[in-house]
Amino acid sequence: SRDNAKNTVYLQMNSLKSEDTAVYYCNLNFRGALYWGQGTQ
């Protein structure tokens, strides 16, 4: 989901499984240029 007023994107994760273990990265594509966050474990 997203809140445009806060320039924020969310990922609600329910019923988590062991195979969901990973570093999660946010990504933005603007006119073909890709931007990445630093990741969250």
ModelCIF file with pLDDT and N, C-alpha, C, O atoms, coordinates in Angstrom:
data_MODEL
#
_entry.id   MODEL 
#
_entity.id                         1 
_entity.type                       polymer 
_entity.pdbx_number_of_molecules   1 
#
_entity_poly.entity_id                      1 
_entity_poly.type                           'polypeptide(L)' 
_entity_poly.nstd_linkage                   no 
_entity_poly.nstd_monomer                   no 
_entity_poly.pdbx_seq_one_letter_code       SRDNAKNTVYLQMNSLKSEDTAVYYCNLNFRGALYWGQGTQ 
_entity_poly.pdbx_seq_one_letter_code_can   SRDNAKNTVYLQMNSLKSEDTAVYYCNLNFRGALYWGQGTQ 
_entity_poly.pdbx_strand_id                 A 
#
loop_
_entity_poly_seq.entity_id 
_entity_poly_seq.num 
_entity_poly_seq.mon_id 
_entity_poly_seq.hetero 
1 1  SER n 
1 2  ARG n 
1 3  ASP n 
1 4  ASN n 
1 5  ALA n 
1 6  LYS n 
1 7  ASN n 
1 8  THR n 
1 9  VAL n 
1 10 TYR n 
1 11 LEU n 
1 12 GLN n 
1 13 MET n 
1 14 ASN n 
1 15 SER n 
1 16 LEU n 
1 17 LYS n 
1 18 SER n 
1 19 GLU n 
1 20 ASP n 
1 21 THR n 
1 22 ALA n 
1 23 VAL n 
1 24 TYR n 
1 25 TYR n 
1 26 CYS n 
1 27 ASN n 
1 28 LEU n 
1 29 ASN n 
1 30 PHE n 
1 31 ARG n 
1 32 GLY n 
1 33 ALA n 
1 34 LEU n 
1 35 TYR n 
1 36 TRP n 
1 37 GLY n 
1 38 GLN n 
1 39 GLY n 
1 40 THR n 
1 41 GLN n 
#
_struct_asym.id          A 
_struct_asym.entity_id   1 
#
loop_
_ma_qa_metric.id 
_ma_qa_metric.mode 
_ma_qa_metric.name 
_ma_qa_metric.software_group_id 
_ma_qa_metric.type 
1 global pLDDT . pLDDT 
2 local  pLDDT . pLDDT 
#
_ma_qa_metric_global.metric_id      1 
_ma_qa_metric_global.metric_value   95.02 
_ma_qa_metric_global.model_id       1 
_ma_qa_metric_global.ordinal_id     1 
#
loop_
_ma_qa_metric_local.label_asym_id 
_ma_qa_metric_local.label_comp_id 
_ma_qa_metric_local.label_seq_id 
_ma_qa_metric_local.metric_id 
_ma_qa_metric_local.metric_value 
_ma_qa_metric_local.model_id 
_ma_qa_metric_local.ordinal_id 
A SER 1  2 96.00 1 1  
A ARG 2  2 94.00 1 2  
A ASP 3  2 93.00 1 3  
A ASN 4  2 90.00 1 4  
A ALA 5  2 91.00 1 5  
A LYS 6  2 92.00 1 6  
A ASN 7  2 92.00 1 7  
A THR 8  2 94.00 1 8  
A VAL 9  2 96.00 1 9  
A TYR 10 2 97.00 1 10 
A LEU 11 2 98.00 1 11 
A GLN 12 2 98.00 1 12 
A MET 13 2 98.00 1 13 
A ASN 14 2 98.00 1 14 
A SER 15 2 98.00 1 15 
A LEU 16 2 98.00 1 16 
A LYS 17 2 98.00 1 17 
A SER 18 2 97.00 1 18 
A GLU 19 2 97.00 1 19 
A ASP 20 2 98.00 1 20 
A THR 21 2 98.00 1 21 
A ALA 22 2 98.00 1 22 
A VAL 23 2 98.00 1 23 
A TYR 24 2 98.00 1 24 
A TYR 25 2 98.00 1 25 
A CYS 26 2 97.00 1 26 
A ASN 27 2 95.00 1 27 
A LEU 28 2 94.00 1 28 
A ASN 29 2 90.00 1 29 
A PHE 30 2 88.00 1 30 
A ARG 31 2 87.00 1 31 
A GLY 32 2 87.00 1 32 
A ALA 33 2 90.00 1 33 
A LEU 34 2 92.00 1 34 
A TYR 35 2 94.00 1 35 
A TRP 36 2 96.00 1 36 
A GLY 37 2 95.00 1 37 
A GLN 38 2 96.00 1 38 
A GLY 39 2 97.00 1 39 
A THR 40 2 97.00 1 40 
A GLN 41 2 98.00 1 41 
#
loop_
_atom_site.group_PDB 
_atom_site.id 
_atom_site.type_symbol 
_atom_site.label_atom_id 
_atom_site.label_alt_id 
_atom_site.label_comp_id 
_atom_site.label_asym_id 
_atom_site.label_entity_id 
_atom_site.label_seq_id 
_atom_site.pdbx_PDB_ins_code 
_atom_site.Cartn_x 
_atom_site.Cartn_y 
_atom_site.Cartn_z 
_atom_site.occupancy 
_atom_site.B_iso_or_equiv 
_atom_site.pdbx_formal_charge 
_atom_site.auth_seq_id 
_atom_site.auth_comp_id 
_atom_site.auth_asym_id 
_atom_site.auth_atom_id 
_atom_site.pdbx_PDB_model_num 
ATOM 1   N N  . SER A 1 1  ? 0.858  -1.186  0.000   1.00 96.00 ? 1  SER A N  1 
ATOM 2   C CA . SER A 1 1  ? 0.000  0.000   0.000   1.00 96.00 ? 1  SER A CA 1 
ATOM 3   C C  . SER A 1 1  ? 0.894  1.235   0.000   1.00 96.00 ? 1  SER A C  1 
ATOM 4   O O  . SER A 1 1  ? 2.113  1.138   0.138   1.00 96.00 ? 1  SER A O  1 
ATOM 5   N N  . ARG A 1 2  ? 0.266  2.393   -0.157  1.00 94.00 ? 2  ARG A N  1 
ATOM 6   C CA . ARG A 1 2  ? 1.049  3.619   -0.206  1.00 94.00 ? 2  ARG A CA 1 
ATOM 7   C C  . ARG A 1 2  ? 0.250  4.769   0.371   1.00 94.00 ? 2  ARG A C  1 
ATOM 8   O O  . ARG A 1 2  ? -0.981 4.782   0.339   1.00 94.00 ? 2  ARG A O  1 
ATOM 9   N N  . ASP A 1 3  ? 0.985  5.731   0.897   1.00 93.00 ? 3  ASP A N  1 
ATOM 10  C CA . ASP A 1 3  ? 0.413  6.988   1.365   1.00 93.00 ? 3  ASP A CA 1 
ATOM 11  C C  . ASP A 1 3  ? 1.150  8.090   0.617   1.00 93.00 ? 3  ASP A C  1 
ATOM 12  O O  . ASP A 1 3  ? 2.265  8.456   0.986   1.00 93.00 ? 3  ASP A O  1 
ATOM 13  N N  . ASN A 1 4  ? 0.537  8.611   -0.420  1.00 90.00 ? 4  ASN A N  1 
ATOM 14  C CA . ASN A 1 4  ? 1.211  9.607   -1.248  1.00 90.00 ? 4  ASN A CA 1 
ATOM 15  C C  . ASN A 1 4  ? 1.510  10.883  -0.477  1.00 90.00 ? 4  ASN A C  1 
ATOM 16  O O  . ASN A 1 4  ? 2.503  11.558  -0.751  1.00 90.00 ? 4  ASN A O  1 
ATOM 17  N N  . ALA A 1 5  ? 0.665  11.213  0.478   1.00 91.00 ? 5  ALA A N  1 
ATOM 18  C CA . ALA A 1 5  ? 0.887  12.429  1.264   1.00 91.00 ? 5  ALA A CA 1 
ATOM 19  C C  . ALA A 1 5  ? 2.148  12.328  2.109   1.00 91.00 ? 5  ALA A C  1 
ATOM 20  O O  . ALA A 1 5  ? 2.776  13.336  2.436   1.00 91.00 ? 5  ALA A O  1 
ATOM 21  N N  . LYS A 1 6  ? 2.509  11.099  2.458   1.00 92.00 ? 6  LYS A N  1 
ATOM 22  C CA . LYS A 1 6  ? 3.701  10.879  3.292   1.00 92.00 ? 6  LYS A CA 1 
ATOM 23  C C  . LYS A 1 6  ? 4.877  10.339  2.480   1.00 92.00 ? 6  LYS A C  1 
ATOM 24  O O  . LYS A 1 6  ? 5.928  10.028  3.041   1.00 92.00 ? 6  LYS A O  1 
ATOM 25  N N  . ASN A 1 7  ? 4.705  10.228  1.166   1.00 92.00 ? 7  ASN A N  1 
ATOM 26  C CA . ASN A 1 7  ? 5.761  9.659   0.313   1.00 92.00 ? 7  ASN A CA 1 
ATOM 27  C C  . ASN A 1 7  ? 6.255  8.325   0.870   1.00 92.00 ? 7  ASN A C  1 
ATOM 28  O O  . ASN A 1 7  ? 7.456  8.071   0.948   1.00 92.00 ? 7  ASN A O  1 
ATOM 29  N N  . THR A 1 8  ? 5.316  7.499   1.245   1.00 94.00 ? 8  THR A N  1 
ATOM 30  C CA . THR A 1 8  ? 5.656  6.248   1.921   1.00 94.00 ? 8  THR A CA 1 
ATOM 31  C C  . THR A 1 8  ? 4.924  5.081   1.280   1.00 94.00 ? 8  THR A C  1 
ATOM 32  O O  . THR A 1 8  ? 3.745  5.172   0.938   1.00 94.00 ? 8  THR A O  1 
ATOM 33  N N  . VAL A 1 9  ? 5.651  3.983   1.127   1.00 96.00 ? 9  VAL A N  1 
ATOM 34  C CA . VAL A 1 9  ? 5.087  2.725   0.660   1.00 96.00 ? 9  VAL A CA 1 
ATOM 35  C C  . VAL A 1 9  ? 5.238  1.700   1.776   1.00 96.00 ? 9  VAL A C  1 
ATOM 36  O O  . VAL A 1 9  ? 6.254  1.660   2.470   1.00 96.00 ? 9  VAL A O  1 
ATOM 37  N N  . TYR A 1 10 ? 4.221  0.884   1.934   1.00 97.00 ? 10 TYR A N  1 
ATOM 38  C CA . TYR A 1 10 ? 4.212  -0.104  3.011   1.00 97.00 ? 10 TYR A CA 1 
ATOM 39  C C  . TYR A 1 10 ? 4.121  -1.519  2.446   1.00 97.00 ? 10 TYR A C  1 
ATOM 40  O O  . TYR A 1 10 ? 3.655  -1.738  1.328   1.00 97.00 ? 10 TYR A O  1 
ATOM 41  N N  . LEU A 1 11 ? 4.576  -2.460  3.250   1.00 98.00 ? 11 LEU A N  1 
ATOM 42  C CA . LEU A 1 11 ? 4.363  -3.875  2.943   1.00 98.00 ? 11 LEU A CA 1 
ATOM 43  C C  . LEU A 1 11 ? 3.902  -4.542  4.233   1.00 98.00 ? 11 LEU A C  1 
ATOM 44  O O  . LEU A 1 11 ? 4.691  -4.757  5.154   1.00 98.00 ? 11 LEU A O  1 
ATOM 45  N N  . GLN A 1 12 ? 2.627  -4.863  4.282   1.00 98.00 ? 12 GLN A N  1 
ATOM 46  C CA . GLN A 1 12 ? 2.081  -5.591  5.423   1.00 98.00 ? 12 GLN A CA 1 
ATOM 47  C C  . GLN A 1 12 ? 2.266  -7.079  5.162   1.00 98.00 ? 12 GLN A C  1 
ATOM 48  O O  . GLN A 1 12 ? 1.804  -7.608  4.151   1.00 98.00 ? 12 GLN A O  1 
ATOM 49  N N  . MET A 1 13 ? 2.943  -7.740  6.078   1.00 98.00 ? 13 MET A N  1 
ATOM 50  C CA . MET A 1 13 ? 3.253  -9.154  5.912   1.00 98.00 ? 13 MET A CA 1 
ATOM 51  C C  . MET A 1 13 ? 2.609  -9.945  7.046   1.00 98.00 ? 13 MET A C  1 
ATOM 52  O O  . MET A 1 13 ? 2.954  -9.767  8.214   1.00 98.00 ? 13 MET A O  1 
ATOM 53  N N  . ASN A 1 14 ? 1.688  -10.805 6.695   1.00 98.00 ? 14 ASN A N  1 
ATOM 54  C CA . ASN A 1 14 ? 0.988  -11.647 7.667   1.00 98.00 ? 14 ASN A CA 1 
ATOM 55  C C  . ASN A 1 14 ? 1.324  -13.118 7.433   1.00 98.00 ? 14 ASN A C  1 
ATOM 56  O O  . ASN A 1 14 ? 1.836  -13.495 6.379   1.00 98.00 ? 14 ASN A O  1 
ATOM 57  N N  . SER A 1 15 ? 1.033  -13.916 8.411   1.00 98.00 ? 15 SER A N  1 
ATOM 58  C CA . SER A 1 15 ? 1.256  -15.372 8.324   1.00 98.00 ? 15 SER A CA 1 
ATOM 59  C C  . SER A 1 15 ? 2.660  -15.677 7.809   1.00 98.00 ? 15 SER A C  1 
ATOM 60  O O  . SER A 1 15 ? 2.843  -16.475 6.890   1.00 98.00 ? 15 SER A O  1 
ATOM 61  N N  . LEU A 1 16 ? 3.621  -15.039 8.407   1.00 98.00 ? 16 LEU A N  1 
ATOM 62  C CA . LEU A 1 16 ? 4.998  -15.178 7.936   1.00 98.00 ? 16 LEU A CA 1 
ATOM 63  C C  . LEU A 1 16 ? 5.509  -16.603 8.102   1.00 98.00 ? 16 LEU A C  1 
ATOM 64  O O  . LEU A 1 16 ? 5.170  -17.311 9.050   1.00 98.00 ? 16 LEU A O  1 
ATOM 65  N N  . LYS A 1 17 ? 6.343  -16.990 7.138   1.00 98.00 ? 17 LYS A N  1 
ATOM 66  C CA . LYS A 1 17 ? 6.931  -18.324 7.123   1.00 98.00 ? 17 LYS A CA 1 
ATOM 67  C C  . LYS A 1 17 ? 8.448  -18.202 7.140   1.00 98.00 ? 17 LYS A C  1 
ATOM 68  O O  . LYS A 1 17 ? 9.001  -17.143 6.841   1.00 98.00 ? 17 LYS A O  1 
ATOM 69  N N  . SER A 1 18 ? 9.105  -19.282 7.487   1.00 97.00 ? 18 SER A N  1 
ATOM 70  C CA . SER A 1 18 ? 10.570 -19.245 7.542   1.00 97.00 ? 18 SER A CA 1 
ATOM 71  C C  . SER A 1 18 ? 11.159 -18.896 6.182   1.00 97.00 ? 18 SER A C  1 
ATOM 72  O O  . SER A 1 18 ? 12.208 -18.255 6.105   1.00 97.00 ? 18 SER A O  1 
ATOM 73  N N  . GLU A 1 19 ? 10.497 -19.310 5.121   1.00 97.00 ? 19 GLU A N  1 
ATOM 74  C CA . GLU A 1 19 ? 11.011 -19.021 3.782   1.00 97.00 ? 19 GLU A CA 1 
ATOM 75  C C  . GLU A 1 19 ? 10.853 -17.558 3.377   1.00 97.00 ? 19 GLU A C  1 
ATOM 76  O O  . GLU A 1 19 ? 11.325 -17.159 2.312   1.00 97.00 ? 19 GLU A O  1 
ATOM 77  N N  . ASP A 1 20 ? 10.196 -16.755 4.211   1.00 98.00 ? 20 ASP A N  1 
ATOM 78  C CA . ASP A 1 20 ? 10.118 -15.317 3.962   1.00 98.00 ? 20 ASP A CA 1 
ATOM 79  C C  . ASP A 1 20 ? 11.351 -14.587 4.490   1.00 98.00 ? 20 ASP A C  1 
ATOM 80  O O  . ASP A 1 20 ? 11.509 -13.387 4.268   1.00 98.00 ? 20 ASP A O  1 
ATOM 81  N N  . THR A 1 21 ? 12.211 -15.305 5.182   1.00 98.00 ? 21 THR A N  1 
ATOM 82  C CA . THR A 1 21 ? 13.426 -14.697 5.715   1.00 98.00 ? 21 THR A CA 1 
ATOM 83  C C  . THR A 1 21 ? 14.301 -14.175 4.589   1.00 98.00 ? 21 THR A C  1 
ATOM 84  O O  . THR A 1 21 ? 14.671 -14.918 3.680   1.00 98.00 ? 21 THR A O  1 
ATOM 85  N N  . ALA A 1 22 ? 14.627 -12.895 4.654   1.00 98.00 ? 22 ALA A N  1 
ATOM 86  C CA . ALA A 1 22 ? 15.402 -12.252 3.593   1.00 98.00 ? 22 ALA A CA 1 
ATOM 87  C C  . ALA A 1 22 ? 15.653 -10.795 3.987   1.00 98.00 ? 22 ALA A C  1 
ATOM 88  O O  . ALA A 1 22 ? 15.106 -10.293 4.969   1.00 98.00 ? 22 ALA A O  1 
ATOM 89  N N  . VAL A 1 23 ? 16.486 -10.142 3.200   1.00 98.00 ? 23 VAL A N  1 
ATOM 90  C CA . VAL A 1 23 ? 16.595 -8.693  3.264   1.00 98.00 ? 23 VAL A CA 1 
ATOM 91  C C  . VAL A 1 23 ? 15.579 -8.128  2.269   1.00 98.00 ? 23 VAL A C  1 
ATOM 92  O O  . VAL A 1 23 ? 15.557 -8.508  1.098   1.00 98.00 ? 23 VAL A O  1 
ATOM 93  N N  . TYR A 1 24 ? 14.762 -7.235  2.747   1.00 98.00 ? 24 TYR A N  1 
ATOM 94  C CA . TYR A 1 24 ? 13.711 -6.645  1.922   1.00 98.00 ? 24 TYR A CA 1 
ATOM 95  C C  . TYR A 1 24 ? 14.141 -5.242  1.481   1.00 98.00 ? 24 TYR A C  1 
ATOM 96  O O  . TYR A 1 24 ? 14.605 -4.426  2.278   1.00 98.00 ? 24 TYR A O  1 
ATOM 97  N N  . TYR A 1 25 ? 13.968 -5.001  0.191   1.00 98.00 ? 25 TYR A N  1 
ATOM 98  C CA . TYR A 1 25 ? 14.384 -3.735  -0.403  1.00 98.00 ? 25 TYR A CA 1 
ATOM 99  C C  . TYR A 1 25 ? 13.192 -3.032  -1.048  1.00 98.00 ? 25 TYR A C  1 
ATOM 100 O O  . TYR A 1 25 ? 12.350 -3.654  -1.697  1.00 98.00 ? 25 TYR A O  1 
ATOM 101 N N  . CYS A 1 26 ? 13.152 -1.744  -0.853  1.00 97.00 ? 26 CYS A N  1 
ATOM 102 C CA . CYS A 1 26 ? 12.177 -0.901  -1.531  1.00 97.00 ? 26 CYS A CA 1 
ATOM 103 C C  . CYS A 1 26 ? 12.789 -0.436  -2.859  1.00 97.00 ? 26 CYS A C  1 
ATOM 104 O O  . CYS A 1 26 ? 13.987 -0.168  -2.945  1.00 97.00 ? 26 CYS A O  1 
ATOM 105 N N  . ASN A 1 27 ? 11.957 -0.349  -3.870  1.00 95.00 ? 27 ASN A N  1 
ATOM 106 C CA . ASN A 1 27 ? 12.432 0.019   -5.195  1.00 95.00 ? 27 ASN A CA 1 
ATOM 107 C C  . ASN A 1 27 ? 11.531 1.076   -5.803  1.00 95.00 ? 27 ASN A C  1 
ATOM 108 O O  . ASN A 1 27 ? 10.310 1.037   -5.651  1.00 95.00 ? 27 ASN A O  1 
ATOM 109 N N  . LEU A 1 28 ? 12.155 2.024   -6.497  1.00 94.00 ? 28 LEU A N  1 
ATOM 110 C CA . LEU A 1 28 ? 11.416 3.067   -7.201  1.00 94.00 ? 28 LEU A CA 1 
ATOM 111 C C  . LEU A 1 28 ? 11.964 3.156   -8.623  1.00 94.00 ? 28 LEU A C  1 
ATOM 112 O O  . LEU A 1 28 ? 13.176 3.186   -8.837  1.00 94.00 ? 28 LEU A O  1 
ATOM 113 N N  . ASN A 1 29 ? 11.061 3.198   -9.574  1.00 90.00 ? 29 ASN A N  1 
ATOM 114 C CA . ASN A 1 29 ? 11.439 3.328   -10.979 1.00 90.00 ? 29 ASN A CA 1 
ATOM 115 C C  . ASN A 1 29 ? 10.874 4.640   -11.496 1.00 90.00 ? 29 ASN A C  1 
ATOM 116 O O  . ASN A 1 29 ? 9.658  4.818   -11.577 1.00 90.00 ? 29 ASN A O  1 
ATOM 117 N N  . PHE A 1 30 ? 11.762 5.546   -11.842 1.00 88.00 ? 30 PHE A N  1 
ATOM 118 C CA . PHE A 1 30 ? 11.324 6.839   -12.343 1.00 88.00 ? 30 PHE A CA 1 
ATOM 119 C C  . PHE A 1 30 ? 11.974 7.085   -13.692 1.00 88.00 ? 30 PHE A C  1 
ATOM 120 O O  . PHE A 1 30 ? 13.179 7.320   -13.788 1.00 88.00 ? 30 PHE A O  1 
ATOM 121 N N  . ARG A 1 31 ? 11.164 7.027   -14.721 1.00 87.00 ? 31 ARG A N  1 
ATOM 122 C CA . ARG A 1 31 ? 11.636 7.260   -16.088 1.00 87.00 ? 31 ARG A CA 1 
ATOM 123 C C  . ARG A 1 31 ? 12.818 6.369   -16.427 1.00 87.00 ? 31 ARG A C  1 
ATOM 124 O O  . ARG A 1 31 ? 13.767 6.796   -17.085 1.00 87.00 ? 31 ARG A O  1 
ATOM 125 N N  . GLY A 1 32 ? 12.748 5.138   -15.973 1.00 87.00 ? 32 GLY A N  1 
ATOM 126 C CA . GLY A 1 32 ? 13.767 4.160   -16.293 1.00 87.00 ? 32 GLY A CA 1 
ATOM 127 C C  . GLY A 1 32 ? 14.931 4.117   -15.331 1.00 87.00 ? 32 GLY A C  1 
ATOM 128 O O  . GLY A 1 32 ? 15.727 3.180   -15.375 1.00 87.00 ? 32 GLY A O  1 
ATOM 129 N N  . ALA A 1 33 ? 15.051 5.089   -14.477 1.00 90.00 ? 33 ALA A N  1 
ATOM 130 C CA . ALA A 1 33 ? 16.117 5.090   -13.465 1.00 90.00 ? 33 ALA A CA 1 
ATOM 131 C C  . ALA A 1 33 ? 15.619 4.354   -12.231 1.00 90.00 ? 33 ALA A C  1 
ATOM 132 O O  . ALA A 1 33 ? 14.529 4.624   -11.728 1.00 90.00 ? 33 ALA A O  1 
ATOM 133 N N  . LEU A 1 34 ? 16.435 3.421   -11.752 1.00 92.00 ? 34 LEU A N  1 
ATOM 134 C CA . LEU A 1 34 ? 16.052 2.613   -10.589 1.00 92.00 ? 34 LEU A CA 1 
ATOM 135 C C  . LEU A 1 34 ? 16.732 3.127   -9.337  1.00 92.00 ? 34 LEU A C  1 
ATOM 136 O O  . LEU A 1 34 ? 17.924 3.434   -9.330  1.00 92.00 ? 34 LEU A O  1 
ATOM 137 N N  . TYR A 1 35 ? 15.947 3.213   -8.282  1.00 94.00 ? 35 TYR A N  1 
ATOM 138 C CA . TYR A 1 35 ? 16.467 3.628   -6.991  1.00 94.00 ? 35 TYR A CA 1 
ATOM 139 C C  . TYR A 1 35 ? 16.142 2.524   -5.975  1.00 94.00 ? 35 TYR A C  1 
ATOM 140 O O  . TYR A 1 35 ? 15.074 1.913   -6.011  1.00 94.00 ? 35 TYR A O  1 
ATOM 141 N N  . TRP A 1 36 ? 17.102 2.293   -5.069  1.00 96.00 ? 36 TRP A N  1 
ATOM 142 C CA . TRP A 1 36 ? 16.960 1.237   -4.063  1.00 96.00 ? 36 TRP A CA 1 
ATOM 143 C C  . TRP A 1 36 ? 17.231 1.782   -2.676  1.00 96.00 ? 36 TRP A C  1 
ATOM 144 O O  . TRP A 1 36 ? 18.032 2.698   -2.494  1.00 96.00 ? 36 TRP A O  1 
ATOM 145 N N  . GLY A 1 37 ? 16.550 1.204   -1.706  1.00 95.00 ? 37 GLY A N  1 
ATOM 146 C CA . GLY A 1 37 ? 16.876 1.487   -0.327  1.00 95.00 ? 37 GLY A CA 1 
ATOM 147 C C  . GLY A 1 37 ? 18.021 0.604   0.125   1.00 95.00 ? 37 GLY A C  1 
ATOM 148 O O  . GLY A 1 37 ? 18.556 -0.190  -0.649  1.00 95.00 ? 37 GLY A O  1 
ATOM 149 N N  . GLN A 1 38 ? 18.389 0.751   1.385   1.00 96.00 ? 38 GLN A N  1 
ATOM 150 C CA . GLN A 1 38 ? 19.524 -0.006  1.928   1.00 96.00 ? 38 GLN A CA 1 
ATOM 151 C C  . GLN A 1 38 ? 19.118 -1.400  2.373   1.00 96.00 ? 38 GLN A C  1 
ATOM 152 O O  . GLN A 1 38 ? 19.970 -2.254  2.620   1.00 96.00 ? 38 GLN A O  1 
ATOM 153 N N  . GLY A 1 39 ? 17.827 -1.625  2.473   1.00 97.00 ? 39 GLY A N  1 
ATOM 154 C CA . GLY A 1 39 ? 17.317 -2.936  2.860   1.00 97.00 ? 39 GLY A CA 1 
ATOM 155 C C  . GLY A 1 39 ? 17.039 -3.041  4.346   1.00 97.00 ? 39 GLY A C  1 
ATOM 156 O O  . GLY A 1 39 ? 17.662 -2.364  5.165   1.00 97.00 ? 39 GLY A O  1 
ATOM 157 N N  . THR A 1 40 ? 16.093 -3.901  4.674   1.00 97.00 ? 40 THR A N  1 
ATOM 158 C CA . THR A 1 40 ? 15.783 -4.178  6.078   1.00 97.00 ? 40 THR A CA 1 
ATOM 159 C C  . THR A 1 40 ? 15.635 -5.691  6.238   1.00 97.00 ? 40 THR A C  1 
ATOM 160 O O  . THR A 1 40 ? 14.965 -6.354  5.446   1.00 97.00 ? 40 THR A O  1 
ATOM 161 N N  . GLN A 1 41 ? 16.269 -6.213  7.270   1.00 98.00 ? 41 GLN A N  1 
ATOM 162 C CA . GLN A 1 41 ? 16.306 -7.661  7.473   1.00 98.00 ? 41 GLN A CA 1 
ATOM 163 C C  . GLN A 1 41 ? 15.009 -8.149  8.119   1.00 98.00 ? 41 GLN A C  1 
ATOM 164 O O  . GLN A 1 41 ? 14.854 -9.345  8.368   1.00 98.00 ? 41 GLN A O  1 
#
